[in-house]
Amino acid sequence: MDIKAPDLGVDSAEVSEIMVEVGDVIAKDDNIVLLESDKASVEVPSSAAGKVTKISIAIGDQVSEGMVLIELESADDSAESNDAAAAEEQEVNSTDDVKPGSKPEPAATESTQSESAAKPAANAGKATTHALPDLGVDEAQVSEIMVSVGDIVSAEQSILLIESDKASVEVPAPVAGKIEKILVEAGDMVANGQDFIVIMASGTDDAIDSESEAPKPQESAPAKTEDKPAAKTTGEPKQAAKLTNTDTAASKAEGKLTEAQVNEKLVDVYAGPAVRKLARQLGVDITQVNGSALNDRILKEDLFAHVKNSLTKQKAAPVSSNAVSSGLPKLPDMSNAEIWGETETQDLSRLQKVSIPQLNYNTLLPQVTQFDLSDITETEKLRGELKGGMKAEGVGFTILAFVVKATAYALTQHPRFNSHLSDDNTQVILRKSVNMGIAVATDDGLIVPVIKNVQDKGLKQIAIEIGELAVKARDKKLSTKDLQGASFTISSQGNLGGTAFTPLVNWPQVGILGVSEASMQPRWDAKTQSFEPRLMLPLSLSYDHRVINGADAAVFTRYIATLLADPRRILI
């Protein structure tokens, strides 16, 4: 059985892709070949089911209606019915494809097909309703109406753009004449044989007489108005319609392209209707996508690759850019001094500008803060005993060294707090070492150098590195390595005051510990049945709730508080 090319809506089209191979078993309506021309991109379905025994075309061939595409070996019990279906399809296609120059005028409606075919000249000077030809699909959407009521059109001039998942076809005018009425609207779903336009056919009495003898003279009738229709079909109505459906509408809205440039770029894009539809759904400017198929045709895979590449660039951009939007609306106009009073503008410091993109990430994190208190009375006594010897060696020995050591040990026992959430939100990436970020206040703002492998270091070494990094931060001598690789952060307000605060998680970390100023508070001693003065250190743990549960955060914060109350636990 021969599977032939149906009515393509054009004289010929190029074979862009062959979708089957010899030996494949296909069902009826399975797509077998992709044909493309300057007017249409059509995936041709098989008119019958069977096994592919021969492919009669090659990529790059020019094919026209009725040309054999493939040969099928069908089942014996269905061979006759398939042949009949193919014959019927050929008959319908040959009827739909009638051209004014070679055969009588195309069918108007089903009720007038035979009459108009026998006497086409009789319609000259009369308004005739015309039906859509075979679209190759059950139904399609009217994407664009290229003419208006009152326009003069020539035969075969494109007047309608029809799109479906399988095809994008420009429907030509069946006859030359004046548009009396358009029966469809942009966005309507239409089917084969549906009435779509009313045309007052052009012609004279002489032309009618001659046409009754030979159909060819009708071609000369629209010649007088050929220039005028060309101007109308490329005018404002067509451009406006394209702009409502174009893949480059976003670029037009941003002022990057003029209206004419948008339309010109759209025409230059080599992509099928399914690909164009996907591009619109993804919000992709299809003119920016590079095609990988024959003649640079754009495939769905090319769209996905373009989107992936764009997302990668967008993700990297905030790191190198100082201006990243937080999603907030623009400030109101404060020029009216009677309402807003006098204002003054001051520049942010370089460090503050660099920090803004990172801080904006916190708007995307579901962050929660857990508070606790640690009784560091005994730890402070121990620090006082060791402080003198450390100072003699030039080492500043503050309570922060104990906090860093205790927190690092706690992270080894609760590794989920020393982790990162994967990009697809399906896995937790656990860090094997504890790289502790220490927030340091400088004249330019807050900066966070990193102490590497804290879990392997003693209190003295930690104190030394805290002092060295703080000096380098204030002298602006920190290297890139000093600022990278943190797995957890501690922000200590030292003796600046305050009872508690909510530190911001430093993405991609999942936790940060805030330390406020310690103060003497009365605590009830059950043994002595009395209140005793104790040195209490406020702790504030902020965490990413996507990774950390509230109960786990409470246990972790209490564990750190317990370690700080008795540092000997760290040595066990």
Protein backbone atom coordinates (compact mmCIF):
# COMPACT_ATOMS: atom_id res chain seq x y z
CA MET A 1 0.00 0.00 0.00
CA ASP A 2 1.33 3.44 -0.94
CA ILE A 3 1.01 6.25 1.58
CA LYS A 4 0.91 9.50 -0.36
CA ALA A 5 1.35 13.14 0.56
CA PRO A 6 -2.00 14.84 1.26
CA ASP A 7 -2.97 18.38 0.32
CA LEU A 8 -0.15 20.46 1.82
CA GLY A 9 -1.64 23.85 1.08
CA VAL A 10 1.43 24.63 -1.06
CA ASP A 11 2.76 23.39 -4.41
CA SER A 12 5.70 21.58 -2.80
CA ALA A 13 7.52 21.23 0.51
CA GLU A 14 10.88 19.92 1.67
CA VAL A 15 11.34 16.71 3.64
CA SER A 16 12.85 17.92 6.89
CA GLU A 17 12.60 14.76 8.98
CA ILE A 18 11.62 11.12 8.41
CA MET A 19 10.02 9.74 11.56
CA VAL A 20 9.86 6.03 10.69
CA GLU A 21 12.24 3.34 9.48
CA VAL A 22 11.84 0.25 7.30
CA GLY A 23 10.47 -2.53 9.48
CA ASP A 24 8.55 -0.25 11.84
CA VAL A 25 4.95 -1.22 12.59
CA ILE A 26 2.82 1.90 12.71
CA ALA A 27 -0.81 2.69 13.47
CA LYS A 28 -3.13 4.88 11.49
CA ASP A 29 -2.51 8.61 12.12
CA ASP A 30 1.05 7.96 13.40
CA ASN A 31 3.32 10.76 12.12
CA ILE A 32 5.67 9.50 9.41
CA VAL A 33 7.36 12.56 7.95
CA LEU A 34 7.87 16.27 8.66
CA LEU A 35 7.44 18.55 5.64
CA GLU A 36 8.34 22.22 5.69
CA SER A 37 7.95 25.12 3.31
CA ASP A 38 7.88 28.87 3.55
CA LYS A 39 4.15 28.69 4.30
CA ALA A 40 3.70 25.57 6.39
CA SER A 41 5.34 23.09 8.71
CA VAL A 42 3.35 19.84 8.67
CA GLU A 43 3.78 16.49 10.37
CA VAL A 44 2.16 14.09 7.90
CA PRO A 45 0.24 11.20 9.50
CA SER A 46 -0.16 7.77 7.96
CA SER A 47 -3.55 7.14 6.41
CA ALA A 48 -3.38 3.44 7.28
CA ALA A 49 -1.80 0.97 9.69
CA GLY A 50 0.82 -1.59 8.80
CA LYS A 51 4.52 -2.42 8.51
CA VAL A 52 6.86 -0.03 6.71
CA THR A 53 8.42 -1.90 3.77
CA LYS A 54 9.92 1.01 1.84
CA ILE A 55 10.67 4.69 2.28
CA SER A 56 10.34 6.43 -1.08
CA ILE A 57 11.76 9.82 -0.05
CA ALA A 58 14.92 11.19 1.51
CA ILE A 59 15.64 14.20 3.71
CA GLY A 60 15.90 17.28 1.54
CA ASP A 61 13.58 15.99 -1.21
CA GLN A 62 10.84 18.24 -2.52
CA VAL A 63 7.43 16.55 -2.39
CA SER A 64 3.99 17.58 -3.60
CA GLU A 65 0.45 16.33 -3.19
CA GLY A 66 -0.04 12.71 -4.29
CA MET A 67 3.65 11.78 -4.19
CA VAL A 68 4.37 8.41 -2.56
CA LEU A 69 6.05 8.83 0.84
CA ILE A 70 6.28 5.24 2.12
CA GLU A 71 4.97 1.80 1.32
CA LEU A 72 3.13 -0.30 3.88
CA GLU A 73 2.41 -3.98 4.18
CA SER A 74 -1.03 -4.12 5.81
CA ALA A 75 -3.03 -7.01 7.24
CA ASP A 76 -5.10 -8.95 4.65
CA ASP A 77 -8.38 -8.39 6.46
CA SER A 78 -7.92 -4.62 6.46
CA ALA A 79 -6.18 -4.11 3.11
CA GLU A 80 -9.37 -3.39 1.16
CA SER A 81 -10.71 -0.92 3.70
CA ASN A 82 -7.36 0.87 3.89
CA ASP A 83 -7.22 1.13 0.08
CA ALA A 84 -10.71 2.57 0.05
CA ALA A 85 -9.79 5.09 2.74
CA ALA A 86 -6.68 6.13 0.82
CA ALA A 87 -8.69 6.51 -2.41
CA GLU A 88 -11.30 8.60 -0.62
CA GLU A 89 -8.60 10.82 0.90
CA GLN A 90 -7.03 11.36 -2.55
CA GLU A 91 -10.41 12.30 -3.96
CA VAL A 92 -11.07 14.83 -1.19
CA ASN A 93 -7.55 16.30 -1.49
CA SER A 94 -7.82 16.63 -5.26
CA THR A 95 -11.13 18.46 -4.83
CA ASP A 96 -9.74 20.80 -2.13
CA ASP A 97 -6.63 21.63 -4.12
CA VAL A 98 -8.39 23.05 -7.18
CA LYS A 99 -6.58 26.17 -8.40
CA PRO A 100 -8.08 29.00 -10.45
CA GLY A 101 -5.42 28.70 -13.13
CA SER A 102 -5.83 25.03 -13.92
CA LYS A 103 -9.22 23.79 -12.73
CA PRO A 104 -12.60 25.30 -11.91
CA GLU A 105 -12.89 27.47 -8.77
CA PRO A 106 -12.52 25.63 -5.38
CA ALA A 107 -15.59 24.44 -3.50
CA ALA A 108 -17.54 27.04 -1.59
CA THR A 109 -19.71 24.93 0.68
CA GLU A 110 -20.55 21.23 0.61
CA SER A 111 -23.94 21.98 -0.95
CA THR A 112 -22.43 24.01 -3.83
CA GLN A 113 -19.24 22.03 -4.53
CA SER A 114 -20.38 20.18 -7.67
CA GLU A 115 -22.17 23.21 -9.08
CA SER A 116 -19.24 25.60 -8.57
CA ALA A 117 -16.85 23.04 -10.03
CA ALA A 118 -18.91 22.71 -13.18
CA LYS A 119 -19.66 26.44 -13.65
CA PRO A 120 -17.05 28.54 -11.78
CA ALA A 121 -17.62 31.63 -13.88
CA ALA A 122 -21.18 31.92 -12.63
CA ASN A 123 -19.86 33.08 -9.25
CA ALA A 124 -18.07 36.10 -10.72
CA GLY A 125 -19.61 39.26 -9.24
CA LYS A 126 -21.50 37.23 -6.61
CA ALA A 127 -20.78 36.82 -2.89
CA THR A 128 -19.90 33.20 -2.24
CA THR A 129 -19.25 31.43 1.04
CA HIS A 130 -16.10 29.29 1.06
CA ALA A 131 -15.15 26.38 3.30
CA LEU A 132 -11.78 25.45 4.79
CA PRO A 133 -9.73 22.86 2.90
CA ASP A 134 -8.33 19.67 4.45
CA LEU A 135 -6.10 20.86 7.34
CA GLY A 136 -4.49 17.48 7.96
CA VAL A 137 -5.93 17.39 11.52
CA ASP A 138 -9.41 17.07 13.02
CA GLU A 139 -9.40 20.64 14.28
CA ALA A 140 -7.03 23.57 14.67
CA GLN A 141 -6.99 27.06 16.13
CA VAL A 142 -7.25 30.30 14.17
CA SER A 143 -4.00 31.98 15.10
CA GLU A 144 -4.13 35.00 12.80
CA ILE A 145 -6.53 36.66 10.38
CA MET A 146 -4.47 38.36 7.68
CA VAL A 147 -7.21 40.32 5.93
CA SER A 148 -10.09 42.61 6.83
CA VAL A 149 -13.60 43.09 5.46
CA GLY A 150 -13.38 45.21 2.33
CA ASP A 151 -9.89 44.04 1.33
CA ILE A 152 -9.27 43.03 -2.29
CA VAL A 153 -7.42 39.69 -2.46
CA SER A 154 -5.92 37.66 -5.25
CA ALA A 155 -6.31 33.91 -5.66
CA GLU A 156 -3.85 31.89 -3.53
CA GLN A 157 -3.10 34.92 -1.36
CA SER A 158 -2.71 33.88 2.30
CA ILE A 159 -5.68 35.09 4.31
CA LEU A 160 -5.72 32.92 7.44
CA LEU A 161 -3.12 31.28 9.70
CA ILE A 162 -4.27 28.01 11.27
CA GLU A 163 -2.20 26.31 14.00
CA SER A 164 -2.38 22.98 15.80
CA ASP A 165 0.10 20.75 17.59
CA LYS A 166 0.86 19.10 14.24
CA ALA A 167 0.75 21.90 11.71
CA SER A 168 0.97 25.62 11.09
CA VAL A 169 -0.76 26.39 7.78
CA GLU A 170 -1.52 29.61 5.95
CA VAL A 171 -4.90 29.14 4.22
CA PRO A 172 -4.96 30.76 0.75
CA ALA A 173 -7.86 32.66 -0.79
CA PRO A 174 -9.86 30.22 -2.93
CA VAL A 175 -10.72 32.96 -5.46
CA ALA A 176 -9.83 36.53 -6.26
CA GLY A 177 -12.23 39.20 -5.14
CA LYS A 178 -13.42 41.43 -2.31
CA ILE A 179 -13.77 40.21 1.28
CA GLU A 180 -17.44 40.58 2.21
CA LYS A 181 -17.50 38.78 5.56
CA ILE A 182 -15.12 36.85 7.82
CA LEU A 183 -16.92 34.00 9.59
CA VAL A 184 -14.20 33.09 12.12
CA GLU A 185 -12.24 34.98 14.76
CA ALA A 186 -8.71 34.65 16.14
CA GLY A 187 -8.72 31.92 18.78
CA ASP A 188 -11.63 29.96 17.30
CA MET A 189 -11.29 26.20 16.85
CA VAL A 190 -12.14 25.23 13.26
CA ALA A 191 -12.51 21.95 11.35
CA ASN A 192 -12.21 20.73 7.78
CA GLY A 193 -15.02 21.94 5.54
CA GLN A 194 -16.17 24.67 7.92
CA ASP A 195 -17.34 27.93 6.29
CA PHE A 196 -14.79 30.62 7.05
CA ILE A 197 -15.11 33.49 4.58
CA VAL A 198 -17.45 35.19 2.10
CA ILE A 199 -15.82 36.63 -1.04
CA MET A 200 -17.34 38.69 -3.84
CA ALA A 201 -15.57 37.09 -6.78
CA SER A 202 -14.07 39.52 -9.31
CA GLY A 203 -14.81 39.28 -13.04
CA THR A 204 -16.62 40.82 -16.09
CA ASP A 205 -19.21 39.54 -18.58
CA ASP A 206 -16.44 38.87 -21.12
CA ALA A 207 -14.46 37.04 -18.48
CA ILE A 208 -17.50 34.97 -17.57
CA ASP A 209 -18.04 33.91 -21.20
CA SER A 210 -14.43 33.01 -21.68
CA GLU A 211 -14.23 31.17 -18.39
CA SER A 212 -17.12 28.95 -19.37
CA GLU A 213 -14.93 27.67 -22.19
CA ALA A 214 -11.58 27.65 -20.41
CA PRO A 215 -10.85 28.31 -16.73
CA LYS A 216 -7.43 29.92 -17.29
CA PRO A 217 -8.52 33.50 -18.11
CA GLN A 218 -9.69 34.02 -14.53
CA GLU A 219 -6.05 34.46 -13.52
CA SER A 220 -5.96 37.78 -15.36
CA ALA A 221 -8.86 39.24 -13.35
CA PRO A 222 -7.01 39.85 -10.05
CA ALA A 223 -3.98 41.26 -11.84
CA LYS A 224 -5.49 44.75 -11.80
CA THR A 225 -5.70 44.76 -8.03
CA GLU A 226 -2.60 42.72 -7.31
CA ASP A 227 -0.55 45.65 -5.99
CA LYS A 228 -3.27 46.87 -3.67
CA PRO A 229 -3.84 43.60 -1.84
CA ALA A 230 -0.12 43.18 -1.28
CA ALA A 231 -0.03 46.48 0.57
CA LYS A 232 -3.02 45.54 2.71
CA THR A 233 -1.83 42.10 3.69
CA THR A 234 1.42 43.48 5.01
CA GLY A 235 -0.15 46.44 6.77
CA GLU A 236 -1.17 47.14 10.32
CA PRO A 237 -3.86 44.45 10.76
CA LYS A 238 -1.39 41.65 10.04
CA GLN A 239 1.32 43.12 12.26
CA ALA A 240 -1.04 43.67 15.13
CA ALA A 241 -2.24 40.08 14.94
CA LYS A 242 1.29 38.75 14.92
CA LEU A 243 2.26 40.82 17.92
CA THR A 244 -0.51 39.27 20.00
CA ASN A 245 0.79 35.77 19.31
CA THR A 246 4.47 36.27 18.58
CA ASP A 247 7.23 34.45 20.37
CA THR A 248 9.14 37.73 20.64
CA ALA A 249 6.37 39.79 22.25
CA ALA A 250 8.43 40.07 25.43
CA SER A 251 11.31 41.64 23.53
CA LYS A 252 8.90 44.06 21.87
CA ALA A 253 7.44 45.05 25.23
CA GLU A 254 10.91 45.80 26.60
CA GLY A 255 11.55 48.17 23.73
CA LYS A 256 14.33 46.08 22.25
CA LEU A 257 12.63 45.62 18.88
CA THR A 258 10.30 47.69 16.75
CA GLU A 259 7.02 46.16 15.62
CA ALA A 260 8.32 45.51 12.11
CA GLN A 261 11.55 43.99 13.44
CA VAL A 262 9.61 41.61 15.66
CA ASN A 263 7.60 40.31 12.72
CA GLU A 264 10.69 40.01 10.53
CA LYS A 265 12.57 38.02 13.18
CA LEU A 266 9.57 35.74 13.71
CA VAL A 267 9.43 34.86 10.01
CA ASP A 268 13.13 34.00 10.03
CA VAL A 269 12.71 31.45 12.83
CA TYR A 270 12.74 27.86 11.51
CA ALA A 271 10.57 25.87 13.93
CA GLY A 272 7.46 23.73 13.79
CA PRO A 273 4.15 24.66 15.44
CA ALA A 274 4.59 22.26 18.37
CA VAL A 275 7.98 23.81 19.12
CA ARG A 276 6.56 27.33 18.86
CA LYS A 277 3.73 26.41 21.21
CA LEU A 278 6.19 24.97 23.74
CA ALA A 279 8.33 28.11 23.47
CA ARG A 280 5.31 30.26 24.32
CA GLN A 281 4.46 28.02 27.28
CA LEU A 282 8.04 28.26 28.58
CA GLY A 283 8.19 32.01 28.00
CA VAL A 284 11.19 31.60 25.67
CA ASP A 285 12.10 34.16 23.00
CA ILE A 286 12.39 31.63 20.18
CA THR A 287 14.49 34.02 18.08
CA GLN A 288 17.30 33.57 20.62
CA VAL A 289 17.37 29.75 20.35
CA ASN A 290 19.90 27.95 18.15
CA GLY A 291 18.51 25.08 16.08
CA SER A 292 20.37 21.78 15.86
CA ALA A 293 18.37 20.00 13.13
CA LEU A 294 18.63 20.22 9.36
CA ASN A 295 18.76 23.81 8.07
CA ASP A 296 19.08 25.02 11.69
CA ARG A 297 15.51 23.95 12.49
CA ILE A 298 14.72 24.33 16.20
CA LEU A 299 13.72 21.17 18.09
CA LYS A 300 12.13 20.80 21.53
CA GLU A 301 15.52 19.63 22.82
CA ASP A 302 17.01 22.94 21.69
CA LEU A 303 14.39 24.81 23.74
CA PHE A 304 15.17 22.77 26.86
CA ALA A 305 18.91 23.33 26.39
CA HIS A 306 18.33 27.08 25.98
CA VAL A 307 16.23 27.24 29.16
CA LYS A 308 18.82 25.27 31.13
CA ASN A 309 21.60 27.55 29.93
CA SER A 310 19.57 30.66 30.78
CA LEU A 311 18.81 29.41 34.28
CA THR A 312 22.49 28.67 34.86
CA LYS A 313 23.42 32.21 33.85
CA GLN A 314 20.67 33.71 36.01
CA LYS A 315 21.84 31.71 38.99
CA ALA A 316 25.43 32.86 38.54
CA ALA A 317 24.53 36.50 37.88
CA PRO A 318 23.71 37.53 41.49
CA VAL A 319 27.18 36.46 42.64
CA SER A 320 28.91 38.89 40.27
CA SER A 321 26.30 41.64 40.34
CA ASN A 322 25.85 44.24 43.03
CA ALA A 323 22.30 45.07 41.97
CA VAL A 324 19.95 42.16 42.58
CA SER A 325 16.25 42.86 43.01
CA SER A 326 14.70 41.86 46.31
CA GLY A 327 11.25 41.78 44.73
CA LEU A 328 10.16 44.93 46.59
CA PRO A 329 8.23 47.66 44.74
CA LYS A 330 9.93 50.91 43.82
CA LEU A 331 10.20 53.67 46.40
CA PRO A 332 7.53 56.35 46.24
CA ASP A 333 8.37 59.75 44.78
CA MET A 334 9.79 61.76 47.70
CA SER A 335 10.39 64.99 45.81
CA ASN A 336 7.49 66.74 47.57
CA ALA A 337 9.15 68.21 50.67
CA GLU A 338 5.79 69.23 52.17
CA ILE A 339 4.87 65.57 52.46
CA TRP A 340 8.19 63.82 52.93
CA GLY A 341 10.37 66.56 54.36
CA GLU A 342 13.99 67.10 53.37
CA THR A 343 16.00 64.05 52.25
CA GLU A 344 19.69 63.27 51.73
CA THR A 345 21.27 60.47 49.71
CA GLN A 346 24.30 58.54 50.95
CA ASP A 347 26.13 55.74 49.14
CA LEU A 348 26.35 52.32 50.73
CA SER A 349 29.82 51.00 51.41
CA ARG A 350 31.32 48.56 48.92
CA LEU A 351 30.93 45.74 51.45
CA GLN A 352 27.26 46.55 52.01
CA LYS A 353 26.58 46.55 48.26
CA VAL A 354 28.27 43.18 47.86
CA SER A 355 26.25 41.75 50.77
CA ILE A 356 22.84 42.73 49.41
CA PRO A 357 22.49 39.90 46.84
CA GLN A 358 23.34 37.30 49.49
CA LEU A 359 20.91 38.83 51.96
CA ASN A 360 18.14 38.78 49.37
CA TYR A 361 18.31 34.98 49.36
CA ASN A 362 16.78 35.02 52.84
CA THR A 363 13.44 36.04 51.35
CA LEU A 364 13.34 32.54 49.83
CA LEU A 365 14.20 30.62 53.02
CA PRO A 366 11.55 29.43 55.51
CA GLN A 367 13.61 30.51 58.52
CA VAL A 368 12.79 29.89 62.21
CA THR A 369 14.73 30.98 65.32
CA GLN A 370 15.12 28.94 68.52
CA PHE A 371 16.20 30.71 71.77
CA ASP A 372 17.97 29.31 74.84
CA LEU A 373 20.20 30.29 77.75
CA SER A 374 23.51 28.69 78.80
CA ASP A 375 24.88 28.92 82.33
CA ILE A 376 28.55 29.72 81.62
CA THR A 377 29.49 30.60 85.20
CA GLU A 378 32.00 27.73 85.52
CA THR A 379 33.28 28.20 81.96
CA GLU A 380 33.96 31.88 82.64
CA LYS A 381 35.97 30.90 85.75
CA LEU A 382 38.07 28.54 83.64
CA ARG A 383 38.60 31.22 81.02
CA GLY A 384 39.71 33.65 83.73
CA GLU A 385 42.29 31.15 84.96
CA LEU A 386 43.72 30.61 81.48
CA LYS A 387 43.45 34.18 80.21
CA GLY A 388 46.64 35.44 81.83
CA GLY A 389 48.88 32.78 80.28
CA MET A 390 47.26 33.24 76.89
CA LYS A 391 47.71 37.00 77.04
CA ALA A 392 51.41 36.57 77.78
CA GLU A 393 51.66 34.63 74.52
CA GLY A 394 49.79 37.36 72.64
CA VAL A 395 46.58 35.40 72.36
CA GLY A 396 43.21 36.98 73.10
CA PHE A 397 41.17 34.38 74.93
CA THR A 398 37.47 35.29 74.82
CA ILE A 399 34.34 33.28 75.51
CA LEU A 400 33.87 33.07 71.71
CA ALA A 401 36.62 30.42 71.51
CA PHE A 402 34.56 28.20 73.84
CA VAL A 403 31.40 28.85 71.80
CA VAL A 404 33.16 27.88 68.56
CA LYS A 405 34.61 24.71 70.05
CA ALA A 406 31.34 23.62 71.66
CA THR A 407 29.32 24.35 68.51
CA ALA A 408 31.79 22.46 66.29
CA TYR A 409 31.56 19.43 68.57
CA ALA A 410 27.75 19.66 68.56
CA LEU A 411 27.76 19.73 64.74
CA THR A 412 29.70 16.48 64.62
CA GLN A 413 27.01 14.90 66.80
CA HIS A 414 24.14 16.48 64.83
CA PRO A 415 25.46 16.47 61.22
CA ARG A 416 22.20 17.67 59.61
CA PHE A 417 22.96 21.17 60.93
CA ASN A 418 26.27 20.99 59.05
CA SER A 419 24.71 20.39 55.64
CA HIS A 420 23.16 21.89 52.50
CA LEU A 421 19.87 21.21 50.71
CA SER A 422 20.24 19.92 47.13
CA ASP A 423 18.98 22.05 44.23
CA ASP A 424 16.07 19.70 43.54
CA ASN A 425 15.07 19.65 47.23
CA THR A 426 15.32 15.86 47.41
CA GLN A 427 18.64 15.32 49.23
CA VAL A 428 20.74 16.70 52.07
CA ILE A 429 24.47 17.14 51.39
CA LEU A 430 26.31 16.47 54.67
CA ARG A 431 29.66 18.17 55.26
CA LYS A 432 32.32 15.89 56.76
CA SER A 433 34.34 18.77 58.21
CA VAL A 434 33.22 21.79 60.23
CA ASN A 435 34.25 25.06 58.56
CA MET A 436 33.03 27.76 60.92
CA GLY A 437 32.16 31.22 59.66
CA ILE A 438 32.80 33.95 62.25
CA ALA A 439 30.97 37.24 61.74
CA VAL A 440 33.29 40.21 62.32
CA ALA A 441 32.12 43.83 62.55
CA THR A 442 34.25 46.32 60.62
CA ASP A 443 33.91 50.01 59.77
CA ASP A 444 32.58 49.03 56.34
CA GLY A 445 30.09 46.48 57.64
CA LEU A 446 29.85 42.83 58.67
CA ILE A 447 32.22 40.32 57.10
CA VAL A 448 32.45 36.55 57.70
CA PRO A 449 35.90 34.88 57.50
CA VAL A 450 36.08 31.09 57.89
CA ILE A 451 38.05 28.84 60.26
CA LYS A 452 38.62 25.51 58.53
CA ASN A 453 38.38 22.06 60.18
CA VAL A 454 37.43 23.39 63.61
CA GLN A 455 36.57 19.88 64.82
CA ASP A 456 40.31 19.03 64.84
CA LYS A 457 41.53 22.13 66.70
CA GLY A 458 41.90 22.94 70.40
CA LEU A 459 40.73 26.04 72.26
CA LYS A 460 44.10 27.81 71.99
CA GLN A 461 44.41 27.31 68.21
CA ILE A 462 40.82 28.45 67.72
CA ALA A 463 41.47 31.60 69.78
CA ILE A 464 44.61 32.35 67.75
CA GLU A 465 42.78 32.03 64.40
CA ILE A 466 39.83 34.13 65.61
CA GLY A 467 42.24 36.93 66.48
CA GLU A 468 44.19 36.67 63.21
CA LEU A 469 41.08 36.67 61.02
CA ALA A 470 39.56 39.60 62.93
CA VAL A 471 42.70 41.71 62.37
CA LYS A 472 42.84 40.79 58.67
CA ALA A 473 39.16 41.66 58.30
CA ARG A 474 39.57 45.11 59.84
CA ASP A 475 42.74 45.76 57.80
CA LYS A 476 40.99 44.56 54.61
CA LYS A 477 43.59 41.86 54.03
CA LEU A 478 41.37 38.79 53.90
CA SER A 479 42.01 36.50 50.93
CA THR A 480 39.33 34.77 48.87
CA LYS A 481 40.09 31.47 50.61
CA ASP A 482 39.51 33.13 53.98
CA LEU A 483 35.94 33.93 52.98
CA GLN A 484 34.87 30.68 51.31
CA GLY A 485 33.76 27.19 52.35
CA ALA A 486 31.76 27.83 55.54
CA SER A 487 29.38 25.06 56.61
CA PHE A 488 27.93 26.89 59.64
CA THR A 489 28.16 30.43 61.01
CA ILE A 490 28.38 32.06 64.45
CA SER A 491 27.42 35.70 64.90
CA SER A 492 28.50 37.07 68.29
CA GLN A 493 27.41 40.50 69.51
CA GLY A 494 29.88 40.23 72.38
CA ASN A 495 29.51 43.14 74.77
CA LEU A 496 27.46 45.28 72.36
CA GLY A 497 24.33 44.70 74.43
CA GLY A 498 20.97 43.12 73.77
CA THR A 499 19.28 40.07 75.21
CA ALA A 500 18.61 38.13 71.98
CA PHE A 501 18.30 38.57 68.19
CA THR A 502 17.33 36.59 65.10
CA PRO A 503 20.39 36.06 62.87
CA LEU A 504 19.82 35.37 59.15
CA VAL A 505 20.80 31.98 57.77
CA ASN A 506 23.68 32.43 55.34
CA TRP A 507 22.54 30.38 52.30
CA PRO A 508 23.48 27.67 51.29
CA GLN A 509 24.05 26.86 54.95
CA VAL A 510 21.06 25.66 56.96
CA GLY A 511 21.88 27.16 60.36
CA ILE A 512 23.48 30.07 62.20
CA LEU A 513 24.06 30.60 65.94
CA GLY A 514 23.63 34.05 67.41
CA VAL A 515 25.37 34.88 70.71
CA SER A 516 24.29 37.91 72.77
CA GLU A 517 25.91 39.56 75.78
CA ALA A 518 26.12 37.43 78.94
CA SER A 519 24.54 38.82 82.10
CA MET A 520 24.23 37.87 85.77
CA GLN A 521 20.79 36.48 86.54
CA PRO A 522 19.26 34.86 89.62
CA ARG A 523 18.81 31.12 89.15
CA TRP A 524 17.05 28.79 91.54
CA ASP A 525 19.24 26.12 93.11
CA ALA A 526 17.14 23.14 94.21
CA LYS A 527 19.91 21.83 96.50
CA THR A 528 20.27 24.98 98.57
CA GLN A 529 16.64 25.99 98.08
CA SER A 530 17.73 29.51 97.20
CA PHE A 531 18.49 31.81 94.29
CA GLU A 532 22.09 32.15 93.21
CA PRO A 533 23.69 34.66 90.82
CA ARG A 534 24.70 32.89 87.59
CA LEU A 535 26.30 34.18 84.39
CA MET A 536 23.81 33.40 81.63
CA LEU A 537 24.66 33.51 77.90
CA PRO A 538 21.70 34.03 75.46
CA LEU A 539 21.79 31.76 72.37
CA SER A 540 19.72 32.29 69.21
CA LEU A 541 19.70 29.48 66.63
CA SER A 542 18.16 30.32 63.25
CA TYR A 543 17.63 27.41 60.85
CA ASP A 544 16.22 26.47 57.46
CA HIS A 545 12.93 24.75 58.26
CA ARG A 546 13.07 22.74 55.01
CA VAL A 547 15.97 20.75 56.47
CA ILE A 548 15.65 21.19 60.23
CA ASN A 549 12.59 20.35 62.33
CA GLY A 550 11.66 22.49 65.32
CA ALA A 551 12.16 19.65 67.80
CA ASP A 552 15.65 18.91 66.43
CA ALA A 553 16.54 22.61 66.67
CA ALA A 554 15.48 22.72 70.32
CA VAL A 555 17.57 19.63 71.13
CA PHE A 556 20.59 21.01 69.26
CA THR A 557 20.45 24.42 70.98
CA ARG A 558 20.07 22.80 74.41
CA TYR A 559 23.03 20.52 73.62
CA ILE A 560 25.27 23.52 72.86
CA ALA A 561 24.07 25.23 76.06
CA THR A 562 24.97 22.11 78.07
CA LEU A 563 28.46 21.87 76.54
CA LEU A 564 29.16 25.52 77.30
CA ALA A 565 28.03 25.04 80.91
CA ASP A 566 30.64 22.30 81.42
CA PRO A 567 33.49 22.36 78.83
CA ARG A 568 34.87 19.10 80.23
CA ARG A 569 32.19 17.32 78.20
CA ILE A 570 34.00 18.35 75.02
CA LEU A 571 37.11 16.52 76.14
CA ILE A 572 35.39 13.21 76.81
